[in-house]
């Protein structure tokens, strides 16, 4: 039984968010819990 039950939707949602932002997502599974890194490229400054 999982310590924190859920529907398993977090990573797919994060993947969709990454795709929408032109970002990359990395997953590093660990025995004590996974580490997820979302890298978002810098956005250009809006024109004044």
PDB file of N, CA and C in Angstrom:
ATOM      1  N   UNK A   1       0.846  -1.186   0.000  1.00  0.00           N
ATOM      2  CA  UNK A   1       0.000   0.000   0.000  1.00  0.00           C
ATOM      3  C   UNK A   1       0.887   1.244   0.000  1.00  0.00           C
ATOM      4  N   UNK A   2       0.545   2.209  -0.826  1.00  0.00           N
ATOM      5  CA  UNK A   2       1.323   3.439  -0.930  1.00  0.00           C
ATOM      6  C   UNK A   2       1.132   4.309   0.302  1.00  0.00           C
ATOM      7  N   UNK A   3       2.206   5.011   0.677  1.00  0.00           N
ATOM      8  CA  UNK A   3       2.133   5.926   1.824  1.00  0.00           C
ATOM      9  C   UNK A   3       1.204   7.096   1.522  1.00  0.00           C
ATOM     10  N   UNK A   4       1.189   7.535   0.272  1.00  0.00           N
ATOM     11  CA  UNK A   4       0.325   8.645  -0.151  1.00  0.00           C
ATOM     12  C   UNK A   4      -0.422   8.204  -1.405  1.00  0.00           C
ATOM     13  N   UNK A   5      -1.593   7.592  -1.242  1.00  0.00           N
ATOM     14  CA  UNK A   5      -2.317   7.092  -2.412  1.00  0.00           C
ATOM     15  C   UNK A   5      -2.773   8.227  -3.324  1.00  0.00           C
ATOM     16  N   UNK A   6      -2.877   7.918  -4.580  1.00  0.00           N
ATOM     17  CA  UNK A   6      -3.335   8.911  -5.550  1.00  0.00           C
ATOM     18  C   UNK A   6      -3.759   8.217  -6.820  1.00  0.00           C
ATOM     19  N   UNK A   7      -4.056   8.995  -7.809  1.00  0.00           N
ATOM     20  CA  UNK A   7      -4.504   8.453  -9.081  1.00  0.00           C
ATOM     21  C   UNK A   7      -3.369   8.329 -10.091  1.00  0.00           C
ATOM     22  N   UNK A   8      -2.166   8.795  -9.737  1.00  0.00           N
ATOM     23  CA  UNK A   8      -1.051   8.704 -10.664  1.00  0.00           C
ATOM     24  C   UNK A   8      -1.129   9.697 -11.809  1.00  0.00           C
ATOM     25  N   UNK A   9      -1.777  10.827 -11.589  1.00  0.00           N
ATOM     26  CA  UNK A   9      -1.956  11.817 -12.651  1.00  0.00           C
ATOM     27  C   UNK A   9      -0.899  12.913 -12.648  1.00  0.00           C
ATOM     28  N   UNK A  10      -0.121  13.028 -11.590  1.00  0.00           N
ATOM     29  CA  UNK A  10       0.821  14.140 -11.462  1.00  0.00           C
ATOM     30  C   UNK A  10       1.843  14.214 -12.575  1.00  0.00           C
ATOM     31  N   UNK A  11       2.499  13.085 -12.887  1.00  0.00           N
ATOM     32  CA  UNK A  11       3.531  13.104 -13.915  1.00  0.00           C
ATOM     33  C   UNK A  11       2.956  13.365 -15.308  1.00  0.00           C
ATOM     34  N   UNK A  12       1.840  12.752 -15.708  1.00  0.00           N
ATOM     35  CA  UNK A  12       1.265  13.105 -17.015  1.00  0.00           C
ATOM     36  C   UNK A  12       0.864  14.580 -17.115  1.00  0.00           C
ATOM     37  N   UNK A  13       0.338  15.142 -16.039  1.00  0.00           N
ATOM     38  CA  UNK A  13      -0.026  16.567 -16.047  1.00  0.00           C
ATOM     39  C   UNK A  13       1.229  17.418 -16.167  1.00  0.00           C
ATOM     40  N   UNK A  14       2.280  17.064 -15.430  1.00  0.00           N
ATOM     41  CA  UNK A  14       3.542  17.797 -15.520  1.00  0.00           C
ATOM     42  C   UNK A  14       4.119  17.698 -16.931  1.00  0.00           C
ATOM     43  N   UNK A  15       3.991  16.537 -17.566  1.00  0.00           N
ATOM     44  CA  UNK A  15       4.473  16.371 -18.937  1.00  0.00           C
ATOM     45  C   UNK A  15       3.726  17.260 -19.920  1.00  0.00           C
ATOM     46  N   UNK A  16       2.409  17.362 -19.759  1.00  0.00           N
ATOM     47  CA  UNK A  16       1.616  18.248 -20.622  1.00  0.00           C
ATOM     48  C   UNK A  16       2.001  19.709 -20.399  1.00  0.00           C
ATOM     49  N   UNK A  17       2.220  20.084 -19.148  1.00  0.00           N
ATOM     50  CA  UNK A  17       2.642  21.448 -18.830  1.00  0.00           C
ATOM     51  C   UNK A  17       4.001  21.742 -19.454  1.00  0.00           C
ATOM     52  N   UNK A  18       4.927  20.801 -19.335  1.00  0.00           N
ATOM     53  CA  UNK A  18       6.256  20.975 -19.922  1.00  0.00           C
ATOM     54  C   UNK A  18       6.151  21.174 -21.431  1.00  0.00           C
ATOM     55  N   UNK A  19       5.342  20.354 -22.095  1.00  0.00           N
ATOM     56  CA  UNK A  19       5.184  20.470 -23.546  1.00  0.00           C
ATOM     57  C   UNK A  19       4.597  21.829 -23.928  1.00  0.00           C
ATOM     58  N   UNK A  20       3.623  22.302 -23.170  1.00  0.00           N
ATOM     59  CA  UNK A  20       2.987  23.589 -23.460  1.00  0.00           C
ATOM     60  C   UNK A  20       3.959  24.751 -23.300  1.00  0.00           C
ATOM     61  N   UNK A  21       4.926  24.614 -22.396  1.00  0.00           N
ATOM     62  CA  UNK A  21       5.883  25.684 -22.128  1.00  0.00           C
ATOM     63  C   UNK A  21       7.168  25.542 -22.934  1.00  0.00           C
ATOM     64  N   UNK A  22       7.289  24.491 -23.729  1.00  0.00           N
ATOM     65  CA  UNK A  22       8.536  24.249 -24.445  1.00  0.00           C
ATOM     66  C   UNK A  22       9.636  23.838 -23.496  1.00  0.00           C
ATOM     67  N   UNK A  23       9.267  23.235 -22.391  1.00  0.00           N
ATOM     68  CA  UNK A  23      10.204  22.849 -21.338  1.00  0.00           C
ATOM     69  C   UNK A  23      10.567  21.377 -21.462  1.00  0.00           C
ATOM     70  N   UNK A  24      11.506  20.954 -20.637  1.00  0.00           N
ATOM     71  CA  UNK A  24      11.852  19.539 -20.558  1.00  0.00           C
ATOM     72  C   UNK A  24      11.568  19.062 -19.145  1.00  0.00           C
ATOM     73  N   UNK A  25      11.312  17.767 -19.025  1.00  0.00           N
ATOM     74  CA  UNK A  25      11.022  17.181 -17.728  1.00  0.00           C
ATOM     75  C   UNK A  25      11.888  15.939 -17.573  1.00  0.00           C
ATOM     76  N   UNK A  26      12.490  15.786 -16.399  1.00  0.00           N
ATOM     77  CA  UNK A  26      13.329  14.634 -16.091  1.00  0.00           C
ATOM     78  C   UNK A  26      12.804  13.976 -14.828  1.00  0.00           C
ATOM     79  N   UNK A  27      12.875  12.668 -14.797  1.00  0.00           N
ATOM     80  CA  UNK A  27      12.448  11.911 -13.633  1.00  0.00           C
ATOM     81  C   UNK A  27      13.618  11.083 -13.146  1.00  0.00           C
ATOM     82  N   UNK A  28      13.951  11.204 -11.865  1.00  0.00           N
ATOM     83  CA  UNK A  28      15.002  10.410 -11.241  1.00  0.00           C
ATOM     84  C   UNK A  28      14.387   9.644 -10.078  1.00  0.00           C
ATOM     85  N   UNK A  29      13.997   8.372 -10.321  1.00  0.00           N
ATOM     86  CA  UNK A  29      13.384   7.599  -9.245  1.00  0.00           C
ATOM     87  C   UNK A  29      14.401   7.237  -8.168  1.00  0.00           C
ATOM     88  N   UNK A  30      13.993   7.317  -6.931  1.00  0.00           N
ATOM     89  CA  UNK A  30      14.815   6.969  -5.776  1.00  0.00           C
ATOM     90  C   UNK A  30      13.975   6.127  -4.833  1.00  0.00           C
ATOM     91  N   UNK A  31      14.614   5.267  -4.038  1.00  0.00           N
ATOM     92  CA  UNK A  31      13.846   4.440  -3.097  1.00  0.00           C
ATOM     93  C   UNK A  31      12.991   5.254  -2.123  1.00  0.00           C
ATOM     94  N   UNK A  32      13.462   6.418  -1.697  1.00  0.00           N
ATOM     95  CA  UNK A  32      12.724   7.238  -0.744  1.00  0.00           C
ATOM     96  C   UNK A  32      11.716   8.175  -1.384  1.00  0.00           C
ATOM     97  N   UNK A  33      11.679   8.234  -2.702  1.00  0.00           N
ATOM     98  CA  UNK A  33      10.784   9.144  -3.415  1.00  0.00           C
ATOM     99  C   UNK A  33      11.471   9.660  -4.658  1.00  0.00           C
ATOM    100  N   UNK A  34      10.720   9.952  -5.662  1.00  0.00           N
ATOM    101  CA  UNK A  34      11.283  10.386  -6.938  1.00  0.00           C
ATOM    102  C   UNK A  34      11.560  11.882  -6.942  1.00  0.00           C
ATOM    103  N   UNK A  35      12.521  12.273  -7.773  1.00  0.00           N
ATOM    104  CA  UNK A  35      12.837  13.682  -7.983  1.00  0.00           C
ATOM    105  C   UNK A  35      12.440  14.018  -9.417  1.00  0.00           C
ATOM    106  N   UNK A  36      11.613  15.024  -9.577  1.00  0.00           N
ATOM    107  CA  UNK A  36      11.163  15.448 -10.896  1.00  0.00           C
ATOM    108  C   UNK A  36      11.677  16.858 -11.132  1.00  0.00           C
ATOM    109  N   UNK A  37      12.367  17.045 -12.267  1.00  0.00           N
ATOM    110  CA  UNK A  37      12.928  18.356 -12.600  1.00  0.00           C
ATOM    111  C   UNK A  37      12.250  18.882 -13.858  1.00  0.00           C
ATOM    112  N   UNK A  38      11.701  20.072 -13.763  1.00  0.00           N
ATOM    113  CA  UNK A  38      11.071  20.758 -14.889  1.00  0.00           C
ATOM    114  C   UNK A  38      11.963  21.937 -15.245  1.00  0.00           C
ATOM    115  N   UNK A  39      12.509  21.938 -16.457  1.00  0.00           N
ATOM    116  CA  UNK A  39      13.391  23.006 -16.903  1.00  0.00           C
ATOM    117  C   UNK A  39      12.660  23.820 -17.963  1.00  0.00           C
ATOM    118  N   UNK A  40      12.392  25.079 -17.636  1.00  0.00           N
ATOM    119  CA  UNK A  40      11.646  25.974 -18.523  1.00  0.00           C
ATOM    120  C   UNK A  40      12.624  26.960 -19.150  1.00  0.00           C
ATOM    121  N   UNK A  41      12.631  27.073 -20.493  1.00  0.00           N
ATOM    122  CA  UNK A  41      13.532  28.026 -21.124  1.00  0.00           C
ATOM    123  C   UNK A  41      13.110  29.459 -20.813  1.00  0.00           C
ATOM    124  N   UNK A  42      14.072  30.383 -20.798  1.00  0.00           N
ATOM    125  CA  UNK A  42      13.710  31.784 -20.542  1.00  0.00           C
ATOM    126  C   UNK A  42      12.795  32.310 -21.640  1.00  0.00           C
ATOM    127  N   UNK A  43      11.882  33.152 -21.246  1.00  0.00           N
ATOM    128  CA  UNK A  43      10.941  33.760 -22.180  1.00  0.00           C
ATOM    129  C   UNK A  43      11.429  35.163 -22.526  1.00  0.00           C
ATOM    130  N   UNK A  44      11.219  35.609 -23.765  1.00  0.00           N
ATOM    131  CA  UNK A  44      11.646  36.963 -24.133  1.00  0.00           C
ATOM    132  C   UNK A  44      10.845  38.015 -23.370  1.00  0.00           C
ATOM    133  N   UNK A  45      11.490  39.134 -23.130  1.00  0.00           N
ATOM    134  CA  UNK A  45      10.821  40.261 -22.479  1.00  0.00           C
ATOM    135  C   UNK A  45       9.766  40.824 -23.425  1.00  0.00           C
ATOM    136  N   UNK A  46       8.593  41.172 -22.914  1.00  0.00           N
ATOM    137  CA  UNK A  46       7.584  41.786 -23.789  1.00  0.00           C
ATOM    138  C   UNK A  46       8.046  43.166 -24.260  1.00  0.00           C
ATOM    139  N   UNK A  47       7.674  43.521 -25.475  1.00  0.00           N
ATOM    140  CA  UNK A  47       8.034  44.835 -26.014  1.00  0.00           C
ATOM    141  C   UNK A  47       7.302  45.925 -25.242  1.00  0.00           C
ATOM    142  N   UNK A  48       8.012  47.018 -24.993  1.00  0.00           N
ATOM    143  CA  UNK A  48       7.415  48.119 -24.226  1.00  0.00           C
ATOM    144  C   UNK A  48       6.550  48.991 -25.080  1.00  0.00           C
TER     145      UNK A  48
END
